[in-house]
């Protein structure tokens, strides 16, 4: 699992290397807006004709990526380190599969350590069922319901609810804001 994730981490680090140089922070609005220059990114990488990367950059997932990872001041993670510091290593490993596999395993180990910071805590394993356990009957029969007692309980509940004031919710209704206009998100 972690090795597959590490492979995708490397792939996206290769695809998006240099993306930070194409980010522009616009501070005109109350909230800063981060704009990504797709044409500059594709032009700098010499991938203007690359249909796959163009579609990736035009997707909603990439827009979320830019809004999440665009701010200049935030906590960094393994992806940021790969994009910033491991570009040369990734390029050097392209022709050497054993080095690439070694790097993927190192990344997988880091991913595992990030998700399990305390390896001393042992995970409790669920024991396997014994052979033939599916043949044993473990379920007790459902008890018979006393119809008279059920009617009594229903009558008591109705009597209490008729004497109580009607229940009201404390939430106030309001108009849901429409949000920014669609034209803000359309790239030129």
C-alpha atoms as a PDB file:
ATOM      1  CA  UNK A   1       0.000   0.000   0.000  1.00  0.00           C
ATOM      2  CA  UNK A   2       2.656   2.509   1.006  1.00  0.00           C
ATOM      3  CA  UNK A   3       4.879   1.636  -1.965  1.00  0.00           C
ATOM      4  CA  UNK A   4       2.042   2.271  -4.423  1.00  0.00           C
ATOM      5  CA  UNK A   5       1.407   5.614  -2.721  1.00  0.00           C
ATOM      6  CA  UNK A   6       5.134   6.385  -2.896  1.00  0.00           C
ATOM      7  CA  UNK A   7       5.131   5.700  -6.651  1.00  0.00           C
ATOM      8  CA  UNK A   8       2.261   8.129  -7.155  1.00  0.00           C
ATOM      9  CA  UNK A   9       3.982  10.665  -4.908  1.00  0.00           C
ATOM     10  CA  UNK A  10       7.068  10.496  -7.139  1.00  0.00           C
ATOM     11  CA  UNK A  11       4.936  10.722 -10.281  1.00  0.00           C
ATOM     12  CA  UNK A  12       3.147  13.870  -9.120  1.00  0.00           C
ATOM     13  CA  UNK A  13       6.409  15.382  -7.898  1.00  0.00           C
ATOM     14  CA  UNK A  14       7.808  14.854 -11.409  1.00  0.00           C
ATOM     15  CA  UNK A  15       4.686  16.208 -13.109  1.00  0.00           C
ATOM     16  CA  UNK A  16       4.414  19.315 -10.946  1.00  0.00           C
ATOM     17  CA  UNK A  17       8.073  20.178 -10.422  1.00  0.00           C
ATOM     18  CA  UNK A  18       8.492  23.927 -10.635  1.00  0.00           C
ATOM     19  CA  UNK A  19       4.810  24.650 -10.073  1.00  0.00           C
ATOM     20  CA  UNK A  20       5.562  27.097  -7.249  1.00  0.00           C
ATOM     21  CA  UNK A  21       7.366  29.442  -9.639  1.00  0.00           C
ATOM     22  CA  UNK A  22       4.100  29.832 -11.584  1.00  0.00           C
ATOM     23  CA  UNK A  23       1.967  30.780  -8.576  1.00  0.00           C
ATOM     24  CA  UNK A  24       0.936  34.379  -8.135  1.00  0.00           C
ATOM     25  CA  UNK A  25      -0.542  35.655  -4.893  1.00  0.00           C
ATOM     26  CA  UNK A  26      -3.072  38.444  -5.517  1.00  0.00           C
ATOM     27  CA  UNK A  27      -3.786  40.557  -2.432  1.00  0.00           C
ATOM     28  CA  UNK A  28      -6.420  42.898  -3.862  1.00  0.00           C
ATOM     29  CA  UNK A  29      -9.304  41.105  -2.182  1.00  0.00           C
ATOM     30  CA  UNK A  30      -9.952  40.740   1.533  1.00  0.00           C
ATOM     31  CA  UNK A  31      -8.813  37.134   1.215  1.00  0.00           C
ATOM     32  CA  UNK A  32      -5.637  36.586  -0.853  1.00  0.00           C
ATOM     33  CA  UNK A  33      -6.264  34.778  -4.144  1.00  0.00           C
ATOM     34  CA  UNK A  34      -3.719  32.370  -5.571  1.00  0.00           C
ATOM     35  CA  UNK A  35      -3.491  32.222  -9.353  1.00  0.00           C
ATOM     36  CA  UNK A  36      -1.602  29.546 -11.286  1.00  0.00           C
ATOM     37  CA  UNK A  37      -0.187  30.476 -14.704  1.00  0.00           C
ATOM     38  CA  UNK A  38      -0.779  27.285 -16.693  1.00  0.00           C
ATOM     39  CA  UNK A  39       0.683  28.638 -19.935  1.00  0.00           C
ATOM     40  CA  UNK A  40       3.885  29.742 -18.201  1.00  0.00           C
ATOM     41  CA  UNK A  41       4.204  26.364 -16.467  1.00  0.00           C
ATOM     42  CA  UNK A  42       3.697  24.404 -19.684  1.00  0.00           C
ATOM     43  CA  UNK A  43       5.968  26.770 -21.614  1.00  0.00           C
ATOM     44  CA  UNK A  44       8.784  26.572 -19.068  1.00  0.00           C
ATOM     45  CA  UNK A  45       8.613  22.784 -19.112  1.00  0.00           C
ATOM     46  CA  UNK A  46       8.308  22.592 -22.917  1.00  0.00           C
ATOM     47  CA  UNK A  47       5.038  20.697 -22.598  1.00  0.00           C
ATOM     48  CA  UNK A  48       2.605  23.034 -24.374  1.00  0.00           C
ATOM     49  CA  UNK A  49       1.527  20.225 -26.710  1.00  0.00           C
ATOM     50  CA  UNK A  50       1.171  17.664 -23.884  1.00  0.00           C
ATOM     51  CA  UNK A  51      -2.549  16.863 -23.850  1.00  0.00           C
ATOM     52  CA  UNK A  52      -2.452  14.801 -20.651  1.00  0.00           C
ATOM     53  CA  UNK A  53      -0.764  17.455 -18.510  1.00  0.00           C
ATOM     54  CA  UNK A  54      -3.003  20.167 -19.967  1.00  0.00           C
ATOM     55  CA  UNK A  55      -6.082  18.176 -18.916  1.00  0.00           C
ATOM     56  CA  UNK A  56      -4.621  17.567 -15.454  1.00  0.00           C
ATOM     57  CA  UNK A  57      -3.966  21.295 -14.989  1.00  0.00           C
ATOM     58  CA  UNK A  58      -7.493  22.140 -16.127  1.00  0.00           C
ATOM     59  CA  UNK A  59      -9.102  19.691 -13.681  1.00  0.00           C
ATOM     60  CA  UNK A  60     -10.852  20.506 -10.421  1.00  0.00           C
ATOM     61  CA  UNK A  61      -8.401  18.362  -8.477  1.00  0.00           C
ATOM     62  CA  UNK A  62      -5.524  20.591  -9.589  1.00  0.00           C
ATOM     63  CA  UNK A  63      -7.487  23.712  -8.670  1.00  0.00           C
ATOM     64  CA  UNK A  64      -7.918  22.261  -5.174  1.00  0.00           C
ATOM     65  CA  UNK A  65      -4.236  21.394  -5.134  1.00  0.00           C
ATOM     66  CA  UNK A  66      -3.304  25.014  -5.927  1.00  0.00           C
ATOM     67  CA  UNK A  67      -5.662  26.471  -3.328  1.00  0.00           C
ATOM     68  CA  UNK A  68      -4.411  24.053  -0.655  1.00  0.00           C
ATOM     69  CA  UNK A  69      -0.711  24.164  -1.474  1.00  0.00           C
ATOM     70  CA  UNK A  70      -0.445  27.645  -2.927  1.00  0.00           C
ATOM     71  CA  UNK A  71      -0.143  29.729   0.243  1.00  0.00           C
ATOM     72  CA  UNK A  72       3.440  30.637   0.889  1.00  0.00           C
ATOM     73  CA  UNK A  73       3.275  30.074   4.653  1.00  0.00           C
ATOM     74  CA  UNK A  74       2.029  26.634   5.676  1.00  0.00           C
ATOM     75  CA  UNK A  75       3.379  23.409   7.071  1.00  0.00           C
ATOM     76  CA  UNK A  76       5.474  21.433   4.610  1.00  0.00           C
ATOM     77  CA  UNK A  77       5.272  17.716   4.020  1.00  0.00           C
ATOM     78  CA  UNK A  78       6.982  14.942   2.072  1.00  0.00           C
ATOM     79  CA  UNK A  79       5.596  16.123  -1.279  1.00  0.00           C
ATOM     80  CA  UNK A  80       7.042  19.614  -0.777  1.00  0.00           C
ATOM     81  CA  UNK A  81      10.423  18.115   0.035  1.00  0.00           C
ATOM     82  CA  UNK A  82      10.313  15.951  -3.101  1.00  0.00           C
ATOM     83  CA  UNK A  83       9.390  18.858  -5.358  1.00  0.00           C
ATOM     84  CA  UNK A  84      11.932  21.225  -3.807  1.00  0.00           C
ATOM     85  CA  UNK A  85      14.944  19.059  -3.017  1.00  0.00           C
ATOM     86  CA  UNK A  86      14.719  15.676  -4.767  1.00  0.00           C
ATOM     87  CA  UNK A  87      14.263  16.790  -8.398  1.00  0.00           C
ATOM     88  CA  UNK A  88      17.841  15.955  -9.387  1.00  0.00           C
ATOM     89  CA  UNK A  89      17.711  12.588  -7.620  1.00  0.00           C
ATOM     90  CA  UNK A  90      14.493  11.639  -9.402  1.00  0.00           C
ATOM     91  CA  UNK A  91      16.003  12.630 -12.768  1.00  0.00           C
ATOM     92  CA  UNK A  92      19.159  10.626 -12.072  1.00  0.00           C
ATOM     93  CA  UNK A  93      17.148   7.520 -11.139  1.00  0.00           C
ATOM     94  CA  UNK A  94      15.073   7.492 -14.343  1.00  0.00           C
ATOM     95  CA  UNK A  95      17.483   5.156 -16.142  1.00  0.00           C
ATOM     96  CA  UNK A  96      18.317   3.017 -13.098  1.00  0.00           C
ATOM     97  CA  UNK A  97      15.390   0.854 -11.899  1.00  0.00           C
ATOM     98  CA  UNK A  98      17.161  -0.551  -8.786  1.00  0.00           C
ATOM     99  CA  UNK A  99      17.874   2.990  -7.490  1.00  0.00           C
ATOM    100  CA  UNK A 100      14.306   4.008  -8.310  1.00  0.00           C
ATOM    101  CA  UNK A 101      12.917   1.033  -6.374  1.00  0.00           C
ATOM    102  CA  UNK A 102      15.200   1.845  -3.436  1.00  0.00           C
ATOM    103  CA  UNK A 103      13.925   5.444  -3.404  1.00  0.00           C
ATOM    104  CA  UNK A 104      10.296   4.258  -3.601  1.00  0.00           C
ATOM    105  CA  UNK A 105      10.914   1.997  -0.594  1.00  0.00           C
ATOM    106  CA  UNK A 106      12.482   4.898   1.329  1.00  0.00           C
ATOM    107  CA  UNK A 107       9.460   7.067   0.548  1.00  0.00           C
ATOM    108  CA  UNK A 108       7.110   4.245   1.570  1.00  0.00           C
ATOM    109  CA  UNK A 109       8.962   3.963   4.868  1.00  0.00           C
ATOM    110  CA  UNK A 110       8.602   7.707   5.448  1.00  0.00           C
ATOM    111  CA  UNK A 111       4.887   7.517   4.639  1.00  0.00           C
ATOM    112  CA  UNK A 112       4.517   4.671   7.117  1.00  0.00           C
ATOM    113  CA  UNK A 113       6.386   6.631   9.813  1.00  0.00           C
ATOM    114  CA  UNK A 114       4.211   9.701   9.169  1.00  0.00           C
ATOM    115  CA  UNK A 115       1.048   7.673   9.695  1.00  0.00           C
ATOM    116  CA  UNK A 116       2.404   5.600  12.596  1.00  0.00           C
ATOM    117  CA  UNK A 117       4.624   7.937  14.620  1.00  0.00           C
ATOM    118  CA  UNK A 118       4.753   5.541  17.591  1.00  0.00           C
ATOM    119  CA  UNK A 119       5.680   2.076  16.272  1.00  0.00           C
ATOM    120  CA  UNK A 120       5.713   0.609  19.786  1.00  0.00           C
ATOM    121  CA  UNK A 121       1.942   0.528  19.974  1.00  0.00           C
ATOM    122  CA  UNK A 122       0.988  -2.913  18.775  1.00  0.00           C
ATOM    123  CA  UNK A 123      -2.156  -3.320  16.763  1.00  0.00           C
ATOM    124  CA  UNK A 124      -4.551  -5.826  18.223  1.00  0.00           C
ATOM    125  CA  UNK A 125      -5.235  -8.588  15.744  1.00  0.00           C
ATOM    126  CA  UNK A 126      -8.657 -10.120  15.455  1.00  0.00           C
ATOM    127  CA  UNK A 127      -8.381 -13.887  15.876  1.00  0.00           C
ATOM    128  CA  UNK A 128      -9.513 -16.067  13.013  1.00  0.00           C
ATOM    129  CA  UNK A 129     -12.703 -17.977  13.645  1.00  0.00           C
ATOM    130  CA  UNK A 130     -12.207 -21.601  14.496  1.00  0.00           C
ATOM    131  CA  UNK A 131     -13.026 -24.264  11.986  1.00  0.00           C
ATOM    132  CA  UNK A 132     -16.720 -25.085  11.957  1.00  0.00           C
ATOM    133  CA  UNK A 133     -17.677 -21.977  13.934  1.00  0.00           C
ATOM    134  CA  UNK A 134     -20.135 -20.988  11.226  1.00  0.00           C
ATOM    135  CA  UNK A 135     -22.100 -24.163  11.924  1.00  0.00           C
ATOM    136  CA  UNK A 136     -22.746 -23.326  15.593  1.00  0.00           C
ATOM    137  CA  UNK A 137     -25.809 -21.371  16.483  1.00  0.00           C
ATOM    138  CA  UNK A 138     -24.800 -18.325  18.530  1.00  0.00           C
ATOM    139  CA  UNK A 139     -27.971 -16.302  18.188  1.00  0.00           C
ATOM    140  CA  UNK A 140     -30.573 -16.654  20.884  1.00  0.00           C
ATOM    141  CA  UNK A 141     -34.180 -16.677  19.708  1.00  0.00           C
ATOM    142  CA  UNK A 142     -35.902 -13.299  19.846  1.00  0.00           C
ATOM    143  CA  UNK A 143     -38.239 -13.113  22.858  1.00  0.00           C
ATOM    144  CA  UNK A 144     -41.957 -12.987  22.289  1.00  0.00           C
ATOM    145  CA  UNK A 145     -43.468  -9.517  22.573  1.00  0.00           C
ATOM    146  CA  UNK A 146     -46.286  -8.891  25.027  1.00  0.00           C
ATOM    147  CA  UNK A 147     -48.867  -7.040  22.931  1.00  0.00           C
ATOM    148  CA  UNK A 148     -50.739  -5.766  25.962  1.00  0.00           C
ATOM    149  CA  UNK A 149     -47.600  -4.166  27.443  1.00  0.00           C
ATOM    150  CA  UNK A 150     -46.759  -2.519  24.090  1.00  0.00           C
ATOM    151  CA  UNK A 151     -50.228  -0.935  23.968  1.00  0.00           C
ATOM    152  CA  UNK A 152     -49.849   0.347  27.535  1.00  0.00           C
ATOM    153  CA  UNK A 153     -46.494   1.991  26.706  1.00  0.00           C
ATOM    154  CA  UNK A 154     -47.926   3.613  23.576  1.00  0.00           C
ATOM    155  CA  UNK A 155     -50.878   5.023  25.534  1.00  0.00           C
ATOM    156  CA  UNK A 156     -48.553   6.422  28.232  1.00  0.00           C
ATOM    157  CA  UNK A 157     -46.372   8.105  25.606  1.00  0.00           C
ATOM    158  CA  UNK A 158     -49.357   9.657  23.846  1.00  0.00           C
ATOM    159  CA  UNK A 159     -50.755  10.975  27.128  1.00  0.00           C
ATOM    160  CA  UNK A 160     -47.419  12.638  27.986  1.00  0.00           C
ATOM    161  CA  UNK A 161     -46.975  14.174  24.528  1.00  0.00           C
ATOM    162  CA  UNK A 162     -50.494  15.696  24.518  1.00  0.00           C
ATOM    163  CA  UNK A 163     -49.828  17.595  27.750  1.00  0.00           C
ATOM    164  CA  UNK A 164     -46.368  18.858  26.704  1.00  0.00           C
ATOM    165  CA  UNK A 165     -45.807  22.092  24.731  1.00  0.00           C
ATOM    166  CA  UNK A 166     -44.921  21.595  21.042  1.00  0.00           C
ATOM    167  CA  UNK A 167     -41.223  21.057  20.385  1.00  0.00           C
ATOM    168  CA  UNK A 168     -39.468  23.893  18.511  1.00  0.00           C
ATOM    169  CA  UNK A 169     -36.048  23.950  16.953  1.00  0.00           C
ATOM    170  CA  UNK A 170     -33.597  26.613  18.076  1.00  0.00           C
ATOM    171  CA  UNK A 171     -32.095  27.057  14.601  1.00  0.00           C
ATOM    172  CA  UNK A 172     -32.883  30.274  12.756  1.00  0.00           C
ATOM    173  CA  UNK A 173     -33.567  30.003   9.062  1.00  0.00           C
ATOM    174  CA  UNK A 174     -31.472  32.159   6.780  1.00  0.00           C
ATOM    175  CA  UNK A 175     -30.666  32.595   3.099  1.00  0.00           C
ATOM    176  CA  UNK A 176     -27.704  30.472   2.004  1.00  0.00           C
ATOM    177  CA  UNK A 177     -25.036  32.759   0.483  1.00  0.00           C
ATOM    178  CA  UNK A 178     -24.525  32.297  -3.263  1.00  0.00           C
ATOM    179  CA  UNK A 179     -20.717  32.551  -3.082  1.00  0.00           C
ATOM    180  CA  UNK A 180     -18.386  34.183  -5.579  1.00  0.00           C
ATOM    181  CA  UNK A 181     -19.488  34.478  -9.208  1.00  0.00           C
ATOM    182  CA  UNK A 182     -18.480  31.704 -11.591  1.00  0.00           C
ATOM    183  CA  UNK A 183     -16.509  34.178 -13.718  1.00  0.00           C
ATOM    184  CA  UNK A 184     -13.837  34.427 -10.998  1.00  0.00           C
ATOM    185  CA  UNK A 185     -12.773  30.827 -11.582  1.00  0.00           C
ATOM    186  CA  UNK A 186     -12.697  30.826 -15.384  1.00  0.00           C
ATOM    187  CA  UNK A 187      -9.149  31.068 -16.681  1.00  0.00           C
ATOM    188  CA  UNK A 188      -8.407  33.412 -19.531  1.00  0.00           C
END
